[in-house]
């Protein structure tokens, strides 16, 4: 799974419609998306998401470095 910039909300109501990260609210939990080596193949979808406190450290949880071109 990969960390993304979004704060976790239980639904997409009032989420930005232009693709920006959702950063409103208390941001107690952060979002991680996608699958992992120890998860079933059905979890390898971009719509799969989980919530974790920002201090979470797991072997299956990382991030991707990217930049705009």
Foldseek 3Di string as FASTA:
>chain_A
DEFDPAQDDPDCVPPDPPPDHHDDDPSQWTKDAADFPPDDPVRRDRVRIDIDGPVDDDPGYYHDDDDDD
